[in-house]
mmCIF file of all heavy atoms, coordinates in Angstrom:
data_MODEL
# 
_entry.id   MODEL 
# 
loop_
_atom_site.group_PDB 
_atom_site.id 
_atom_site.type_symbol 
_atom_site.label_atom_id 
_atom_site.label_alt_id 
_atom_site.label_comp_id 
_atom_site.label_asym_id 
_atom_site.label_entity_id 
_atom_site.label_seq_id 
_atom_site.pdbx_PDB_ins_code 
_atom_site.Cartn_x 
_atom_site.Cartn_y 
_atom_site.Cartn_z 
_atom_site.occupancy 
_atom_site.B_iso_or_equiv 
_atom_site.pdbx_formal_charge 
_atom_site.auth_seq_id 
_atom_site.auth_comp_id 
_atom_site.auth_asym_id 
_atom_site.auth_atom_id 
_atom_site.pdbx_PDB_model_num 
ATOM 1   N N   . ALA A 1 1  ? -40.802 -96.836  -27.909 1.00 0.00 ? 1  ALA A N   1 
ATOM 2   C CA  . ALA A 1 1  ? -40.407 -98.243  -27.766 1.00 0.00 ? 1  ALA A CA  1 
ATOM 3   C C   . ALA A 1 1  ? -41.336 -98.942  -26.776 1.00 0.00 ? 1  ALA A C   1 
ATOM 4   O O   . ALA A 1 1  ? -41.458 -98.505  -25.627 1.00 0.00 ? 1  ALA A O   1 
ATOM 5   C CB  . ALA A 1 1  ? -38.963 -98.329  -27.298 1.00 0.00 ? 1  ALA A CB  1 
ATOM 6   N N   . PRO A 1 2  ? -41.988 -100.040 -27.184 1.00 0.00 ? 2  PRO A N   1 
ATOM 7   C CA  . PRO A 1 2  ? -43.071 -100.605 -26.368 1.00 0.00 ? 2  PRO A CA  1 
ATOM 8   C C   . PRO A 1 2  ? -42.640 -101.264 -25.061 1.00 0.00 ? 2  PRO A C   1 
ATOM 9   O O   . PRO A 1 2  ? -43.367 -101.185 -24.069 1.00 0.00 ? 2  PRO A O   1 
ATOM 10  C CB  . PRO A 1 2  ? -43.715 -101.621 -27.314 1.00 0.00 ? 2  PRO A CB  1 
ATOM 11  C CG  . PRO A 1 2  ? -42.650 -101.961 -28.308 1.00 0.00 ? 2  PRO A CG  1 
ATOM 12  C CD  . PRO A 1 2  ? -41.837 -100.731 -28.473 1.00 0.00 ? 2  PRO A CD  1 
ATOM 13  N N   . GLN A 1 3  ? -41.483 -101.945 -25.064 1.00 0.00 ? 3  GLN A N   1 
ATOM 14  C CA  . GLN A 1 3  ? -41.061 -102.675 -23.870 1.00 0.00 ? 3  GLN A CA  1 
ATOM 15  C C   . GLN A 1 3  ? -39.943 -101.982 -23.098 1.00 0.00 ? 3  GLN A C   1 
ATOM 16  O O   . GLN A 1 3  ? -39.558 -102.434 -22.033 1.00 0.00 ? 3  GLN A O   1 
ATOM 17  C CB  . GLN A 1 3  ? -40.562 -104.069 -24.262 1.00 0.00 ? 3  GLN A CB  1 
ATOM 18  C CG  . GLN A 1 3  ? -41.585 -104.942 -24.973 1.00 0.00 ? 3  GLN A CG  1 
ATOM 19  C CD  . GLN A 1 3  ? -40.987 -106.303 -25.260 1.00 0.00 ? 3  GLN A CD  1 
ATOM 20  O OE1 . GLN A 1 3  ? -40.943 -107.185 -24.390 1.00 0.00 ? 3  GLN A OE1 1 
ATOM 21  N NE2 . GLN A 1 3  ? -40.514 -106.486 -26.469 1.00 0.00 ? 3  GLN A NE2 1 
ATOM 22  N N   . LEU A 1 4  ? -39.423 -100.925 -23.630 1.00 0.00 ? 4  LEU A N   1 
ATOM 23  C CA  . LEU A 1 4  ? -38.209 -100.308 -23.102 1.00 0.00 ? 4  LEU A CA  1 
ATOM 24  C C   . LEU A 1 4  ? -38.555 -99.260  -22.045 1.00 0.00 ? 4  LEU A C   1 
ATOM 25  O O   . LEU A 1 4  ? -39.493 -98.482  -22.199 1.00 0.00 ? 4  LEU A O   1 
ATOM 26  C CB  . LEU A 1 4  ? -37.445 -99.663  -24.255 1.00 0.00 ? 4  LEU A CB  1 
ATOM 27  C CG  . LEU A 1 4  ? -36.081 -99.061  -23.973 1.00 0.00 ? 4  LEU A CG  1 
ATOM 28  C CD1 . LEU A 1 4  ? -35.122 -99.390  -25.110 1.00 0.00 ? 4  LEU A CD1 1 
ATOM 29  C CD2 . LEU A 1 4  ? -36.202 -97.541  -23.826 1.00 0.00 ? 4  LEU A CD2 1 
ATOM 30  N N   . THR A 1 5  ? -37.790 -99.266  -20.947 1.00 0.00 ? 5  THR A N   1 
ATOM 31  C CA  . THR A 1 5  ? -37.903 -98.216  -19.931 1.00 0.00 ? 5  THR A CA  1 
ATOM 32  C C   . THR A 1 5  ? -36.910 -97.122  -20.289 1.00 0.00 ? 5  THR A C   1 
ATOM 33  O O   . THR A 1 5  ? -35.701 -97.351  -20.297 1.00 0.00 ? 5  THR A O   1 
ATOM 34  C CB  . THR A 1 5  ? -37.591 -98.764  -18.527 1.00 0.00 ? 5  THR A CB  1 
ATOM 35  O OG1 . THR A 1 5  ? -38.538 -99.802  -18.215 1.00 0.00 ? 5  THR A OG1 1 
ATOM 36  C CG2 . THR A 1 5  ? -37.682 -97.661  -17.480 1.00 0.00 ? 5  THR A CG2 1 
ATOM 37  N N   . LEU A 1 6  ? -37.426 -95.950  -20.608 1.00 0.00 ? 6  LEU A N   1 
ATOM 38  C CA  . LEU A 1 6  ? -36.593 -94.844  -21.073 1.00 0.00 ? 6  LEU A CA  1 
ATOM 39  C C   . LEU A 1 6  ? -36.338 -93.869  -19.938 1.00 0.00 ? 6  LEU A C   1 
ATOM 40  O O   . LEU A 1 6  ? -37.276 -93.347  -19.324 1.00 0.00 ? 6  LEU A O   1 
ATOM 41  C CB  . LEU A 1 6  ? -37.297 -94.128  -22.234 1.00 0.00 ? 6  LEU A CB  1 
ATOM 42  C CG  . LEU A 1 6  ? -36.584 -92.923  -22.833 1.00 0.00 ? 6  LEU A CG  1 
ATOM 43  C CD1 . LEU A 1 6  ? -35.258 -93.326  -23.456 1.00 0.00 ? 6  LEU A CD1 1 
ATOM 44  C CD2 . LEU A 1 6  ? -37.484 -92.246  -23.877 1.00 0.00 ? 6  LEU A CD2 1 
ATOM 45  N N   . LEU A 1 7  ? -35.066 -93.629  -19.646 1.00 0.00 ? 7  LEU A N   1 
ATOM 46  C CA  . LEU A 1 7  ? -34.655 -92.618  -18.680 1.00 0.00 ? 7  LEU A CA  1 
ATOM 47  C C   . LEU A 1 7  ? -34.055 -91.444  -19.447 1.00 0.00 ? 7  LEU A C   1 
ATOM 48  O O   . LEU A 1 7  ? -33.311 -91.648  -20.407 1.00 0.00 ? 7  LEU A O   1 
ATOM 49  C CB  . LEU A 1 7  ? -33.610 -93.177  -17.713 1.00 0.00 ? 7  LEU A CB  1 
ATOM 50  C CG  . LEU A 1 7  ? -33.988 -94.443  -16.940 1.00 0.00 ? 7  LEU A CG  1 
ATOM 51  C CD1 . LEU A 1 7  ? -32.820 -94.883  -16.069 1.00 0.00 ? 7  LEU A CD1 1 
ATOM 52  C CD2 . LEU A 1 7  ? -35.239 -94.218  -16.106 1.00 0.00 ? 7  LEU A CD2 1 
ATOM 53  N N   . VAL A 1 8  ? -34.355 -90.228  -19.039 1.00 0.00 ? 8  VAL A N   1 
ATOM 54  C CA  . VAL A 1 8  ? -33.858 -89.038  -19.730 1.00 0.00 ? 8  VAL A CA  1 
ATOM 55  C C   . VAL A 1 8  ? -33.059 -88.190  -18.748 1.00 0.00 ? 8  VAL A C   1 
ATOM 56  O O   . VAL A 1 8  ? -33.598 -87.755  -17.731 1.00 0.00 ? 8  VAL A O   1 
ATOM 57  C CB  . VAL A 1 8  ? -35.012 -88.213  -20.329 1.00 0.00 ? 8  VAL A CB  1 
ATOM 58  C CG1 . VAL A 1 8  ? -34.460 -86.996  -21.074 1.00 0.00 ? 8  VAL A CG1 1 
ATOM 59  C CG2 . VAL A 1 8  ? -35.854 -89.072  -21.265 1.00 0.00 ? 8  VAL A CG2 1 
ATOM 60  N N   . PRO A 1 9  ? -31.771 -87.952  -19.037 1.00 0.00 ? 9  PRO A N   1 
ATOM 61  C CA  . PRO A 1 9  ? -30.948 -87.153  -18.128 1.00 0.00 ? 9  PRO A CA  1 
ATOM 62  C C   . PRO A 1 9  ? -31.232 -85.667  -18.283 1.00 0.00 ? 9  PRO A C   1 
ATOM 63  O O   . PRO A 1 9  ? -31.842 -85.230  -19.266 1.00 0.00 ? 9  PRO A O   1 
ATOM 64  C CB  . PRO A 1 9  ? -29.521 -87.467  -18.579 1.00 0.00 ? 9  PRO A CB  1 
ATOM 65  C CG  . PRO A 1 9  ? -29.676 -87.722  -20.049 1.00 0.00 ? 9  PRO A CG  1 
ATOM 66  C CD  . PRO A 1 9  ? -31.012 -88.409  -20.208 1.00 0.00 ? 9  PRO A CD  1 
ATOM 67  N N   . GLY A 1 10 ? -30.798 -84.891  -17.313 1.00 0.00 ? 10 GLY A N   1 
ATOM 68  C CA  . GLY A 1 10 ? -30.799 -83.447  -17.486 1.00 0.00 ? 10 GLY A CA  1 
ATOM 69  C C   . GLY A 1 10 ? -29.629 -83.033  -18.350 1.00 0.00 ? 10 GLY A C   1 
ATOM 70  O O   . GLY A 1 10 ? -28.869 -83.860  -18.834 1.00 0.00 ? 10 GLY A O   1 
ATOM 71  N N   . GLY A 1 11 ? -29.485 -81.731  -18.554 1.00 0.00 ? 11 GLY A N   1 
ATOM 72  C CA  . GLY A 1 11 ? -28.338 -81.252  -19.308 1.00 0.00 ? 11 GLY A CA  1 
ATOM 73  C C   . GLY A 1 11 ? -28.701 -80.252  -20.386 1.00 0.00 ? 11 GLY A C   1 
ATOM 74  O O   . GLY A 1 11 ? -29.865 -79.936  -20.613 1.00 0.00 ? 11 GLY A O   1 
ATOM 75  N N   . ARG A 1 12 ? -27.667 -79.768  -21.052 1.00 0.00 ? 12 ARG A N   1 
ATOM 76  C CA  . ARG A 1 12 ? -27.815 -78.773  -22.111 1.00 0.00 ? 12 ARG A CA  1 
ATOM 77  C C   . ARG A 1 12 ? -27.520 -79.426  -23.459 1.00 0.00 ? 12 ARG A C   1 
ATOM 78  O O   . ARG A 1 12 ? -26.422 -79.932  -23.675 1.00 0.00 ? 12 ARG A O   1 
ATOM 79  C CB  . ARG A 1 12 ? -26.837 -77.625  -21.867 1.00 0.00 ? 12 ARG A CB  1 
ATOM 80  C CG  . ARG A 1 12 ? -26.846 -76.549  -22.952 1.00 0.00 ? 12 ARG A CG  1 
ATOM 81  C CD  . ARG A 1 12 ? -25.871 -75.427  -22.598 1.00 0.00 ? 12 ARG A CD  1 
ATOM 82  N NE  . ARG A 1 12 ? -24.509 -75.926  -22.432 1.00 0.00 ? 12 ARG A NE  1 
ATOM 83  C CZ  . ARG A 1 12 ? -23.649 -76.126  -23.438 1.00 0.00 ? 12 ARG A CZ  1 
ATOM 84  N NH1 . ARG A 1 12 ? -24.029 -75.892  -24.675 1.00 0.00 ? 12 ARG A NH1 1 
ATOM 85  N NH2 . ARG A 1 12 ? -22.434 -76.565  -23.200 1.00 0.00 ? 12 ARG A NH2 1 
ATOM 86  N N   . PRO A 1 13 ? -28.470 -79.428  -24.397 1.00 0.00 ? 13 PRO A N   1 
ATOM 87  C CA  . PRO A 1 13 ? -28.212 -80.019  -25.714 1.00 0.00 ? 13 PRO A CA  1 
ATOM 88  C C   . PRO A 1 13 ? -27.265 -79.146  -26.530 1.00 0.00 ? 13 PRO A C   1 
ATOM 89  O O   . PRO A 1 13 ? -27.450 -77.933  -26.615 1.00 0.00 ? 13 PRO A O   1 
ATOM 90  C CB  . PRO A 1 13 ? -29.597 -80.074  -26.369 1.00 0.00 ? 13 PRO A CB  1 
ATOM 91  C CG  . PRO A 1 13 ? -30.580 -79.817  -25.283 1.00 0.00 ? 13 PRO A CG  1 
ATOM 92  C CD  . PRO A 1 13 ? -29.874 -78.982  -24.268 1.00 0.00 ? 13 PRO A CD  1 
ATOM 93  N N   . ARG A 1 14 ? -26.242 -79.766  -27.121 1.00 0.00 ? 14 ARG A N   1 
ATOM 94  C CA  . ARG A 1 14 ? -25.372 -79.043  -28.054 1.00 0.00 ? 14 ARG A CA  1 
ATOM 95  C C   . ARG A 1 14 ? -26.135 -78.789  -29.343 1.00 0.00 ? 14 ARG A C   1 
ATOM 96  O O   . ARG A 1 14 ? -26.765 -79.701  -29.876 1.00 0.00 ? 14 ARG A O   1 
ATOM 97  C CB  . ARG A 1 14 ? -24.120 -79.864  -28.351 1.00 0.00 ? 14 ARG A CB  1 
ATOM 98  C CG  . ARG A 1 14 ? -23.145 -80.000  -27.196 1.00 0.00 ? 14 ARG A CG  1 
ATOM 99  C CD  . ARG A 1 14 ? -22.063 -81.014  -27.506 1.00 0.00 ? 14 ARG A CD  1 
ATOM 100 N NE  . ARG A 1 14 ? -21.355 -80.715  -28.743 1.00 0.00 ? 14 ARG A NE  1 
ATOM 101 C CZ  . ARG A 1 14 ? -20.656 -81.616  -29.437 1.00 0.00 ? 14 ARG A CZ  1 
ATOM 102 N NH1 . ARG A 1 14 ? -20.611 -82.875  -29.031 1.00 0.00 ? 14 ARG A NH1 1 
ATOM 103 N NH2 . ARG A 1 14 ? -20.028 -81.261  -30.525 1.00 0.00 ? 14 ARG A NH2 1 
ATOM 104 N N   . PRO A 1 15 ? -26.095 -77.572  -29.872 1.00 0.00 ? 15 PRO A N   1 
ATOM 105 C CA  . PRO A 1 15 ? -26.832 -77.274  -31.105 1.00 0.00 ? 15 PRO A CA  1 
ATOM 106 C C   . PRO A 1 15 ? -26.452 -78.234  -32.235 1.00 0.00 ? 15 PRO A C   1 
ATOM 107 O O   . PRO A 1 15 ? -25.289 -78.550  -32.431 1.00 0.00 ? 15 PRO A O   1 
ATOM 108 C CB  . PRO A 1 15 ? -26.389 -75.836  -31.428 1.00 0.00 ? 15 PRO A CB  1 
ATOM 109 C CG  . PRO A 1 15 ? -26.013 -75.251  -30.099 1.00 0.00 ? 15 PRO A CG  1 
ATOM 110 C CD  . PRO A 1 15 ? -25.396 -76.392  -29.335 1.00 0.00 ? 15 PRO A CD  1 
ATOM 111 N N   . GLY A 1 16 ? -27.466 -78.691  -32.961 1.00 0.00 ? 16 GLY A N   1 
ATOM 112 C CA  . GLY A 1 16 ? -27.237 -79.594  -34.088 1.00 0.00 ? 16 GLY A CA  1 
ATOM 113 C C   . GLY A 1 16 ? -26.975 -81.014  -33.632 1.00 0.00 ? 16 GLY A C   1 
ATOM 114 O O   . GLY A 1 16 ? -27.682 -81.949  -33.999 1.00 0.00 ? 16 GLY A O   1 
ATOM 115 N N   . GLU A 1 17 ? -25.972 -81.181  -32.804 1.00 0.00 ? 17 GLU A N   1 
ATOM 116 C CA  . GLU A 1 17 ? -25.606 -82.499  -32.291 1.00 0.00 ? 17 GLU A CA  1 
ATOM 117 C C   . GLU A 1 17 ? -26.670 -83.058  -31.362 1.00 0.00 ? 17 GLU A C   1 
ATOM 118 O O   . GLU A 1 17 ? -26.926 -84.259  -31.317 1.00 0.00 ? 17 GLU A O   1 
ATOM 119 C CB  . GLU A 1 17 ? -24.268 -82.391  -31.550 1.00 0.00 ? 17 GLU A CB  1 
ATOM 120 C CG  . GLU A 1 17 ? -23.563 -83.687  -31.293 1.00 0.00 ? 17 GLU A CG  1 
ATOM 121 C CD  . GLU A 1 17 ? -22.913 -84.244  -32.539 1.00 0.00 ? 17 GLU A CD  1 
ATOM 122 O OE1 . GLU A 1 17 ? -22.695 -83.480  -33.499 1.00 0.00 ? 17 GLU A OE1 1 
ATOM 123 O OE2 . GLU A 1 17 ? -22.642 -85.454  -32.549 1.00 0.00 ? 17 GLU A OE2 1 
ATOM 124 N N   . LEU A 1 18 ? -27.282 -82.181  -30.564 1.00 0.00 ? 18 LEU A N   1 
ATOM 125 C CA  . LEU A 1 18 ? -28.286 -82.516  -29.550 1.00 0.00 ? 18 LEU A CA  1 
ATOM 126 C C   . LEU A 1 18 ? -27.758 -83.492  -28.502 1.00 0.00 ? 18 LEU A C   1 
ATOM 127 O O   . LEU A 1 18 ? -28.541 -84.188  -27.843 1.00 0.00 ? 18 LEU A O   1 
ATOM 128 C CB  . LEU A 1 18 ? -29.575 -83.046  -30.200 1.00 0.00 ? 18 LEU A CB  1 
ATOM 129 C CG  . LEU A 1 18 ? -30.304 -82.063  -31.119 1.00 0.00 ? 18 LEU A CG  1 
ATOM 130 C CD1 . LEU A 1 18 ? -31.645 -82.634  -31.544 1.00 0.00 ? 18 LEU A CD1 1 
ATOM 131 C CD2 . LEU A 1 18 ? -30.494 -80.701  -30.467 1.00 0.00 ? 18 LEU A CD2 1 
ATOM 132 N N   . ALA A 1 19 ? -26.433 -83.552  -28.363 1.00 0.00 ? 19 ALA A N   1 
ATOM 133 C CA  . ALA A 1 19 ? -25.831 -84.317  -27.262 1.00 0.00 ? 19 ALA A CA  1 
ATOM 134 C C   . ALA A 1 19 ? -26.034 -83.546  -25.974 1.00 0.00 ? 19 ALA A C   1 
ATOM 135 O O   . ALA A 1 19 ? -25.874 -82.324  -25.929 1.00 0.00 ? 19 ALA A O   1 
ATOM 136 C CB  . ALA A 1 19 ? -24.347 -84.527  -27.525 1.00 0.00 ? 19 ALA A CB  1 
ATOM 137 N N   . LEU A 1 20 ? -26.384 -84.245  -24.901 1.00 0.00 ? 20 LEU A N   1 
ATOM 138 C CA  . LEU A 1 20 ? -26.617 -83.615  -23.604 1.00 0.00 ? 20 LEU A CA  1 
ATOM 139 C C   . LEU A 1 20 ? -25.298 -83.502  -22.851 1.00 0.00 ? 20 LEU A C   1 
ATOM 140 O O   . LEU A 1 20 ? -24.570 -84.498  -22.686 1.00 0.00 ? 20 LEU A O   1 
ATOM 141 C CB  . LEU A 1 20 ? -27.634 -84.423  -22.812 1.00 0.00 ? 20 LEU A CB  1 
ATOM 142 C CG  . LEU A 1 20 ? -29.044 -84.381  -23.435 1.00 0.00 ? 20 LEU A CG  1 
ATOM 143 C CD1 . LEU A 1 20 ? -29.890 -85.527  -22.937 1.00 0.00 ? 20 LEU A CD1 1 
ATOM 144 C CD2 . LEU A 1 20 ? -29.712 -83.050  -23.154 1.00 0.00 ? 20 LEU A CD2 1 
ATOM 145 N N   . THR A 1 21 ? -24.976 -82.318  -22.382 1.00 0.00 ? 21 THR A N   1 
ATOM 146 C CA  . THR A 1 21 ? -23.707 -82.079  -21.699 1.00 0.00 ? 21 THR A CA  1 
ATOM 147 C C   . THR A 1 21 ? -23.927 -81.184  -20.493 1.00 0.00 ? 21 THR A C   1 
ATOM 148 O O   . THR A 1 21 ? -25.019 -80.633  -20.289 1.00 0.00 ? 21 THR A O   1 
ATOM 149 C CB  . THR A 1 21 ? -22.688 -81.399  -22.640 1.00 0.00 ? 21 THR A CB  1 
ATOM 150 O OG1 . THR A 1 21 ? -23.201 -80.128  -23.056 1.00 0.00 ? 21 THR A OG1 1 
ATOM 151 C CG2 . THR A 1 21 ? -22.397 -82.250  -23.870 1.00 0.00 ? 21 THR A CG2 1 
ATOM 152 N N   . GLY A 1 22 ? -22.853 -81.053  -19.706 1.00 0.00 ? 22 GLY A N   1 
ATOM 153 C CA  . GLY A 1 22 ? -22.895 -80.140  -18.577 1.00 0.00 ? 22 GLY A CA  1 
ATOM 154 C C   . GLY A 1 22 ? -23.093 -80.839  -17.248 1.00 0.00 ? 22 GLY A C   1 
ATOM 155 O O   . GLY A 1 22 ? -23.250 -82.069  -17.167 1.00 0.00 ? 22 GLY A O   1 
ATOM 156 N N   . PRO A 1 23 ? -23.088 -80.076  -16.145 1.00 0.00 ? 23 PRO A N   1 
ATOM 157 C CA  . PRO A 1 23 ? -23.153 -80.665  -14.800 1.00 0.00 ? 23 PRO A CA  1 
ATOM 158 C C   . PRO A 1 23 ? -24.431 -81.436  -14.524 1.00 0.00 ? 23 PRO A C   1 
ATOM 159 O O   . PRO A 1 23 ? -24.413 -82.409  -13.755 1.00 0.00 ? 23 PRO A O   1 
ATOM 160 C CB  . PRO A 1 23 ? -23.022 -79.444  -13.871 1.00 0.00 ? 23 PRO A CB  1 
ATOM 161 C CG  . PRO A 1 23 ? -23.304 -78.252  -14.725 1.00 0.00 ? 23 PRO A CG  1 
ATOM 162 C CD  . PRO A 1 23 ? -22.885 -78.615  -16.096 1.00 0.00 ? 23 PRO A CD  1 
ATOM 163 N N   . LEU A 1 24 ? -25.565 -81.036  -15.115 1.00 0.00 ? 24 LEU A N   1 
ATOM 164 C CA  . LEU A 1 24 ? -26.798 -81.787  -14.892 1.00 0.00 ? 24 LEU A CA  1 
ATOM 165 C C   . LEU A 1 24 ? -26.721 -83.181  -15.512 1.00 0.00 ? 24 LEU A C   1 
ATOM 166 O O   . LEU A 1 24 ? -27.205 -84.166  -14.933 1.00 0.00 ? 24 LEU A O   1 
ATOM 167 C CB  . LEU A 1 24 ? -27.993 -81.022  -15.462 1.00 0.00 ? 24 LEU A CB  1 
ATOM 168 C CG  . LEU A 1 24 ? -28.358 -79.711  -14.768 1.00 0.00 ? 24 LEU A CG  1 
ATOM 169 C CD1 . LEU A 1 24 ? -29.508 -79.023  -15.497 1.00 0.00 ? 24 LEU A CD1 1 
ATOM 170 C CD2 . LEU A 1 24 ? -28.732 -79.955  -13.310 1.00 0.00 ? 24 LEU A CD2 1 
ATOM 171 N N   . THR A 1 25 ? -26.121 -83.285  -16.684 1.00 0.00 ? 25 THR A N   1 
ATOM 172 C CA  . THR A 1 25 ? -25.939 -84.596  -17.316 1.00 0.00 ? 25 THR A CA  1 
ATOM 173 C C   . THR A 1 25 ? -25.007 -85.465  -16.484 1.00 0.00 ? 25 THR A C   1 
ATOM 174 O O   . THR A 1 25 ? -25.286 -86.647  -16.239 1.00 0.00 ? 25 THR A O   1 
ATOM 175 C CB  . THR A 1 25 ? -25.370 -84.432  -18.735 1.00 0.00 ? 25 THR A CB  1 
ATOM 176 O OG1 . THR A 1 25 ? -26.134 -83.472  -19.453 1.00 0.00 ? 25 THR A OG1 1 
ATOM 177 C CG2 . THR A 1 25 ? -25.394 -85.751  -19.481 1.00 0.00 ? 25 THR A CG2 1 
ATOM 178 N N   . GLN A 1 26 ? -23.895 -84.881  -16.051 1.00 0.00 ? 26 GLN A N   1 
ATOM 179 C CA  . GLN A 1 26 ? -22.937 -85.639  -15.250 1.00 0.00 ? 26 GLN A CA  1 
ATOM 180 C C   . GLN A 1 26 ? -23.540 -86.076  -13.918 1.00 0.00 ? 26 GLN A C   1 
ATOM 181 O O   . GLN A 1 26 ? -23.284 -87.194  -13.448 1.00 0.00 ? 26 GLN A O   1 
ATOM 182 C CB  . GLN A 1 26 ? -21.682 -84.811  -15.039 1.00 0.00 ? 26 GLN A CB  1 
ATOM 183 C CG  . GLN A 1 26 ? -20.913 -84.567  -16.332 1.00 0.00 ? 26 GLN A CG  1 
ATOM 184 C CD  . GLN A 1 26 ? -19.693 -83.706  -16.130 1.00 0.00 ? 26 GLN A CD  1 
ATOM 185 O OE1 . GLN A 1 26 ? -18.849 -83.980  -15.281 1.00 0.00 ? 26 GLN A OE1 1 
ATOM 186 N NE2 . GLN A 1 26 ? -19.583 -82.624  -16.904 1.00 0.00 ? 26 GLN A NE2 1 
ATOM 187 N N   . ALA A 1 27 ? -24.374 -85.216  -13.301 1.00 0.00 ? 27 ALA A N   1 
ATOM 188 C CA  . ALA A 1 27 ? -25.029 -85.585  -12.049 1.00 0.00 ? 27 ALA A CA  1 
ATOM 189 C C   . ALA A 1 27 ? -26.013 -86.730  -12.262 1.00 0.00 ? 27 ALA A C   1 
ATOM 190 O O   . ALA A 1 27 ? -26.130 -87.636  -11.412 1.00 0.00 ? 27 ALA A O   1 
ATOM 191 C CB  . ALA A 1 27 ? -25.742 -84.367  -11.458 1.00 0.00 ? 27 ALA A CB  1 
# 
């Protein structure tokens, strides 16, 4: 995305879903 500032959280991706979860995501 050309104008967007992208932040990426830590965490563990759920298989297939690839949703980030766990204490690193929450932190």
